[in-house]
C-alpha cells in the first residue's frame, strides 16, 4: 500500500511544485536548526540538503538542487521529519529548495 501511495503521490508532488509556488528556502552553507513544523534547504558541495522537523509523519515533501551542470535533481518523496539529499554527481549544487506536498492516507 505504501509503494502504491508513493507511486501515485510522486507525480502529484512534482505537478504541485510545477503549478504552484512552493514554499522555498534557499541559502549558502549550513542553516540554523529548523523550528517545529518547518523545513530548510541549503547546498553543501554537490548536494542539495533538506531538513524537516515537526511535520506530521504522513506529510509528503521533497528537496531539489539546481546543479552547475544545468540539471535539476530531486531527492524523491520523503515523509515526515527527516533529512534528505539531492545529489548533483560530479557537479556542484548552487541552489536548493524544498516542496511540501499533501498528507498521505
N, C-alpha and C. Protein backbone atom coordinates (compact mmCIF):
# COMPACT_ATOMS: atom_id res chain seq x y z
N UNK A 1 0.81 -1.18 0.00
CA UNK A 1 0.00 0.00 0.00
C UNK A 1 0.86 1.26 0.00
N UNK A 2 1.96 1.24 0.76
CA UNK A 2 2.84 2.41 0.79
C UNK A 2 3.50 2.65 -0.55
N UNK A 3 3.89 1.57 -1.23
CA UNK A 3 4.52 1.73 -2.55
C UNK A 3 3.53 2.32 -3.53
N UNK A 4 2.30 1.84 -3.48
CA UNK A 4 1.27 2.38 -4.37
C UNK A 4 1.05 3.86 -4.09
N UNK A 5 0.97 4.22 -2.81
CA UNK A 5 0.78 5.62 -2.46
C UNK A 5 1.98 6.44 -2.93
N UNK A 6 3.19 5.92 -2.75
CA UNK A 6 4.39 6.65 -3.18
C UNK A 6 4.41 6.82 -4.69
N UNK A 7 4.02 5.78 -5.43
CA UNK A 7 3.99 5.87 -6.89
C UNK A 7 2.96 6.88 -7.36
N UNK A 8 1.84 6.96 -6.67
CA UNK A 8 0.79 7.90 -7.06
C UNK A 8 1.11 9.33 -6.63
N UNK A 9 1.76 9.50 -5.49
CA UNK A 9 1.99 10.83 -4.98
C UNK A 9 3.19 11.52 -5.62
N UNK A 10 4.17 10.76 -6.12
CA UNK A 10 5.36 11.38 -6.70
C UNK A 10 5.01 12.30 -7.87
N UNK A 11 4.20 11.85 -8.86
CA UNK A 11 3.82 12.77 -9.93
C UNK A 11 2.96 13.93 -9.41
N UNK A 12 2.12 13.65 -8.41
CA UNK A 12 1.29 14.70 -7.84
C UNK A 12 2.15 15.76 -7.19
N UNK A 13 3.15 15.34 -6.44
CA UNK A 13 4.06 16.28 -5.79
C UNK A 13 4.82 17.09 -6.83
N UNK A 14 5.30 16.44 -7.88
CA UNK A 14 6.01 17.15 -8.94
C UNK A 14 5.08 18.13 -9.65
N UNK A 15 3.86 17.70 -9.92
CA UNK A 15 2.89 18.58 -10.58
C UNK A 15 2.52 19.76 -9.71
N UNK A 16 2.35 19.52 -8.42
CA UNK A 16 2.03 20.60 -7.50
C UNK A 16 3.15 21.62 -7.46
N UNK A 17 4.38 21.14 -7.45
CA UNK A 17 5.53 22.05 -7.44
C UNK A 17 5.59 22.87 -8.71
N UNK A 18 5.23 22.27 -9.84
CA UNK A 18 5.29 22.98 -11.11
C UNK A 18 4.16 23.98 -11.28
N UNK A 19 2.98 23.68 -10.72
CA UNK A 19 1.81 24.52 -10.93
C UNK A 19 1.62 25.60 -9.87
N UNK A 20 2.17 25.42 -8.72
CA UNK A 20 2.02 26.40 -7.65
C UNK A 20 3.38 26.90 -7.23
N UNK A 21 3.38 27.97 -6.51
CA UNK A 21 4.64 28.48 -5.97
C UNK A 21 4.90 27.73 -4.67
N UNK A 22 5.90 26.84 -4.67
CA UNK A 22 6.16 26.07 -3.46
C UNK A 22 6.81 26.92 -2.38
N UNK A 23 6.67 26.44 -1.15
CA UNK A 23 7.40 27.06 -0.06
C UNK A 23 8.86 26.74 -0.30
N UNK A 24 9.69 27.76 -0.44
CA UNK A 24 11.08 27.55 -0.84
C UNK A 24 12.01 28.26 0.13
N UNK A 25 13.07 27.57 0.50
CA UNK A 25 14.13 28.18 1.31
C UNK A 25 15.44 27.97 0.56
N UNK A 26 16.20 29.04 0.40
CA UNK A 26 17.49 28.92 -0.28
C UNK A 26 18.55 29.58 0.58
N UNK A 27 19.69 28.96 0.65
CA UNK A 27 20.78 29.51 1.45
C UNK A 27 22.10 28.95 0.96
N UNK A 28 23.17 29.59 1.30
CA UNK A 28 24.51 29.08 1.03
C UNK A 28 25.10 28.69 2.37
N UNK A 29 25.53 27.45 2.49
CA UNK A 29 26.09 26.97 3.74
C UNK A 29 25.02 26.41 4.66
N UNK A 30 25.44 25.87 5.78
CA UNK A 30 24.51 25.22 6.72
C UNK A 30 23.64 26.24 7.43
N UNK A 31 22.35 25.95 7.58
CA UNK A 31 21.42 26.85 8.25
C UNK A 31 21.38 26.56 9.74
N UNK A 32 20.64 27.40 10.45
CA UNK A 32 20.35 27.07 11.84
C UNK A 32 19.33 25.94 11.86
N UNK A 33 19.17 25.28 12.98
CA UNK A 33 18.25 24.15 13.07
C UNK A 33 16.83 24.60 12.79
N UNK A 34 16.05 23.78 12.07
CA UNK A 34 14.68 24.18 11.77
C UNK A 34 13.83 24.19 13.03
N UNK A 35 12.87 25.09 13.08
CA UNK A 35 11.97 25.13 14.21
C UNK A 35 10.83 24.15 13.97
N UNK A 36 10.01 23.95 14.96
CA UNK A 36 8.93 22.97 14.89
C UNK A 36 8.01 23.23 13.70
N UNK A 37 7.76 22.19 12.91
CA UNK A 37 6.85 22.29 11.78
C UNK A 37 7.41 23.03 10.59
N UNK A 38 8.71 23.07 10.43
CA UNK A 38 9.30 23.80 9.33
C UNK A 38 10.36 22.97 8.62
N UNK A 39 10.72 23.44 7.43
CA UNK A 39 11.78 22.82 6.65
C UNK A 39 12.77 23.89 6.24
N UNK A 40 14.00 23.48 6.03
CA UNK A 40 15.04 24.35 5.49
C UNK A 40 15.76 23.59 4.39
N UNK A 41 16.33 24.32 3.45
CA UNK A 41 17.11 23.71 2.36
C UNK A 41 18.38 24.53 2.18
N UNK A 42 19.48 23.84 1.91
CA UNK A 42 20.76 24.51 1.69
C UNK A 42 21.64 23.64 0.80
N UNK A 43 22.70 24.24 0.28
CA UNK A 43 23.64 23.49 -0.56
C UNK A 43 24.87 23.13 0.26
N UNK A 44 25.46 22.01 -0.10
CA UNK A 44 26.70 21.56 0.53
C UNK A 44 27.48 20.77 -0.52
N UNK A 45 28.38 21.46 -1.22
CA UNK A 45 29.14 20.82 -2.30
C UNK A 45 28.21 20.33 -3.40
N UNK A 46 28.24 19.04 -3.72
CA UNK A 46 27.39 18.51 -4.80
C UNK A 46 25.97 18.16 -4.33
N UNK A 47 25.62 18.51 -3.10
CA UNK A 47 24.31 18.13 -2.56
C UNK A 47 23.42 19.34 -2.29
N UNK A 48 22.13 19.13 -2.53
CA UNK A 48 21.10 19.99 -2.01
C UNK A 48 20.55 19.23 -0.81
N UNK A 49 20.51 19.85 0.34
CA UNK A 49 20.10 19.17 1.56
C UNK A 49 18.82 19.81 2.07
N UNK A 50 17.85 18.99 2.45
CA UNK A 50 16.61 19.46 3.05
C UNK A 50 16.44 18.81 4.41
N UNK A 51 16.02 19.60 5.39
CA UNK A 51 15.78 19.09 6.74
C UNK A 51 14.40 19.57 7.16
N UNK A 52 13.54 18.63 7.52
CA UNK A 52 12.20 18.97 8.01
C UNK A 52 12.04 18.46 9.43
N UNK A 53 11.43 19.28 10.26
CA UNK A 53 11.23 18.94 11.65
C UNK A 53 9.85 19.39 12.09
N UNK A 54 9.19 18.55 12.87
CA UNK A 54 7.87 18.90 13.39
C UNK A 54 6.73 18.66 12.42
N UNK A 55 6.99 17.94 11.33
CA UNK A 55 5.93 17.64 10.37
C UNK A 55 5.13 16.42 10.82
N UNK A 56 3.89 16.35 10.38
CA UNK A 56 3.10 15.14 10.61
C UNK A 56 3.79 13.98 9.88
N UNK A 57 3.82 12.78 10.46
CA UNK A 57 4.53 11.65 9.87
C UNK A 57 4.10 11.29 8.45
N UNK A 58 2.88 11.63 8.06
CA UNK A 58 2.41 11.29 6.71
C UNK A 58 2.50 12.46 5.73
N UNK A 59 3.10 13.58 6.14
CA UNK A 59 3.26 14.74 5.26
C UNK A 59 4.34 14.46 4.22
N UNK A 60 4.00 14.60 2.94
CA UNK A 60 4.95 14.35 1.85
C UNK A 60 5.73 15.63 1.53
N UNK A 61 7.00 15.46 1.20
CA UNK A 61 7.85 16.58 0.80
C UNK A 61 9.06 16.06 0.03
N UNK A 62 9.76 16.96 -0.62
CA UNK A 62 10.99 16.59 -1.32
C UNK A 62 11.92 17.80 -1.38
N UNK A 63 13.19 17.54 -1.62
CA UNK A 63 14.18 18.59 -1.79
C UNK A 63 14.75 18.45 -3.20
N UNK A 64 15.07 19.57 -3.82
CA UNK A 64 15.70 19.54 -5.14
C UNK A 64 16.88 20.49 -5.15
N UNK A 65 17.80 20.23 -6.06
CA UNK A 65 19.00 21.06 -6.19
C UNK A 65 19.20 21.42 -7.65
N UNK A 66 19.59 22.66 -7.90
CA UNK A 66 19.99 23.09 -9.23
C UNK A 66 21.50 22.95 -9.29
N UNK A 67 21.96 22.27 -10.31
CA UNK A 67 23.38 21.94 -10.44
C UNK A 67 24.06 22.86 -11.43
N UNK A 68 25.36 23.07 -11.24
CA UNK A 68 26.14 23.90 -12.16
C UNK A 68 26.13 23.32 -13.57
N UNK A 69 25.89 22.03 -13.69
CA UNK A 69 25.84 21.37 -15.00
C UNK A 69 24.57 21.74 -15.77
N UNK A 70 23.63 22.41 -15.11
CA UNK A 70 22.40 22.83 -15.78
C UNK A 70 21.20 21.94 -15.51
N UNK A 71 21.37 20.87 -14.79
CA UNK A 71 20.25 19.98 -14.50
C UNK A 71 19.72 20.26 -13.10
N UNK A 72 18.51 19.81 -12.86
CA UNK A 72 17.90 19.87 -11.54
C UNK A 72 17.63 18.45 -11.09
N UNK A 73 18.04 18.12 -9.88
CA UNK A 73 17.85 16.78 -9.33
C UNK A 73 16.97 16.86 -8.09
N UNK A 74 16.33 15.73 -7.77
CA UNK A 74 15.41 15.69 -6.63
C UNK A 74 15.72 14.51 -5.73
N UNK A 75 15.35 14.64 -4.48
CA UNK A 75 15.55 13.57 -3.51
C UNK A 75 14.51 12.47 -3.66
N UNK A 76 13.43 12.76 -4.31
CA UNK A 76 12.30 11.83 -4.34
C UNK A 76 11.41 12.09 -3.14
N UNK A 77 10.36 11.35 -3.03
CA UNK A 77 9.36 11.55 -1.98
C UNK A 77 9.90 11.21 -0.60
N UNK A 78 9.66 12.11 0.34
CA UNK A 78 10.02 11.91 1.74
C UNK A 78 8.74 12.04 2.56
N UNK A 79 8.71 11.42 3.73
CA UNK A 79 7.56 11.53 4.61
C UNK A 79 8.00 11.94 6.00
N UNK A 80 7.33 12.94 6.57
CA UNK A 80 7.58 13.35 7.95
C UNK A 80 8.94 13.95 8.18
N UNK A 81 9.35 13.93 9.46
CA UNK A 81 10.62 14.51 9.87
C UNK A 81 11.79 13.68 9.36
N UNK A 82 12.73 14.33 8.71
CA UNK A 82 13.95 13.66 8.26
C UNK A 82 14.84 14.63 7.53
N UNK A 83 16.00 14.14 7.15
CA UNK A 83 16.94 14.87 6.31
C UNK A 83 17.02 14.14 4.98
N UNK A 84 17.00 14.87 3.88
CA UNK A 84 17.07 14.26 2.56
C UNK A 84 18.08 15.02 1.72
N UNK A 85 18.66 14.33 0.74
CA UNK A 85 19.63 14.97 -0.14
C UNK A 85 19.27 14.74 -1.61
N UNK A 86 19.64 15.70 -2.42
CA UNK A 86 19.57 15.59 -3.88
C UNK A 86 21.00 15.75 -4.37
N UNK A 87 21.51 14.78 -5.09
CA UNK A 87 22.93 14.73 -5.46
C UNK A 87 23.14 15.16 -6.90
N UNK A 88 24.05 16.10 -7.11
CA UNK A 88 24.38 16.60 -8.45
C UNK A 88 25.48 15.80 -9.13
N UNK A 89 25.95 14.73 -8.54
CA UNK A 89 27.00 13.92 -9.14
C UNK A 89 28.33 14.66 -9.11
N UNK A 90 28.97 14.80 -10.27
CA UNK A 90 30.27 15.46 -10.35
C UNK A 90 30.17 16.98 -10.42
N UNK A 91 28.97 17.50 -10.39
CA UNK A 91 28.74 18.94 -10.47
C UNK A 91 28.48 19.51 -9.07
N UNK A 92 28.60 20.82 -8.92
CA UNK A 92 28.27 21.48 -7.66
C UNK A 92 26.81 21.92 -7.66
N UNK A 93 26.17 21.88 -6.52
CA UNK A 93 24.81 22.42 -6.37
C UNK A 93 24.94 23.91 -6.06
N UNK A 94 24.18 24.75 -6.77
CA UNK A 94 24.25 26.18 -6.49
C UNK A 94 23.00 26.72 -5.83
N UNK A 95 21.92 25.94 -5.80
CA UNK A 95 20.75 26.33 -5.01
C UNK A 95 19.97 25.09 -4.64
N UNK A 96 19.23 25.18 -3.55
CA UNK A 96 18.42 24.07 -3.08
C UNK A 96 17.07 24.62 -2.64
N UNK A 97 16.04 23.82 -2.83
CA UNK A 97 14.70 24.22 -2.40
C UNK A 97 13.92 22.98 -1.99
N UNK A 98 12.85 23.19 -1.26
CA UNK A 98 12.00 22.06 -0.88
C UNK A 98 10.57 22.36 -1.28
N UNK A 99 9.80 21.31 -1.47
CA UNK A 99 8.38 21.42 -1.79
C UNK A 99 7.61 20.57 -0.79
N UNK A 100 6.58 21.15 -0.22
CA UNK A 100 5.73 20.43 0.72
C UNK A 100 4.49 19.95 -0.02
N UNK A 101 4.17 18.67 0.12
CA UNK A 101 3.03 18.09 -0.54
C UNK A 101 1.90 17.78 0.45
N UNK A 102 0.99 16.92 0.04
CA UNK A 102 -0.18 16.61 0.86
C UNK A 102 0.15 15.61 1.98
N UNK A 103 -0.82 15.42 2.85
CA UNK A 103 -0.74 14.36 3.86
C UNK A 103 -1.28 13.10 3.21
N UNK A 104 -0.50 12.04 3.21
CA UNK A 104 -0.91 10.79 2.59
C UNK A 104 -1.85 10.01 3.50
N UNK A 105 -2.73 9.23 2.90
CA UNK A 105 -3.66 8.43 3.73
C UNK A 105 -2.94 7.33 4.47
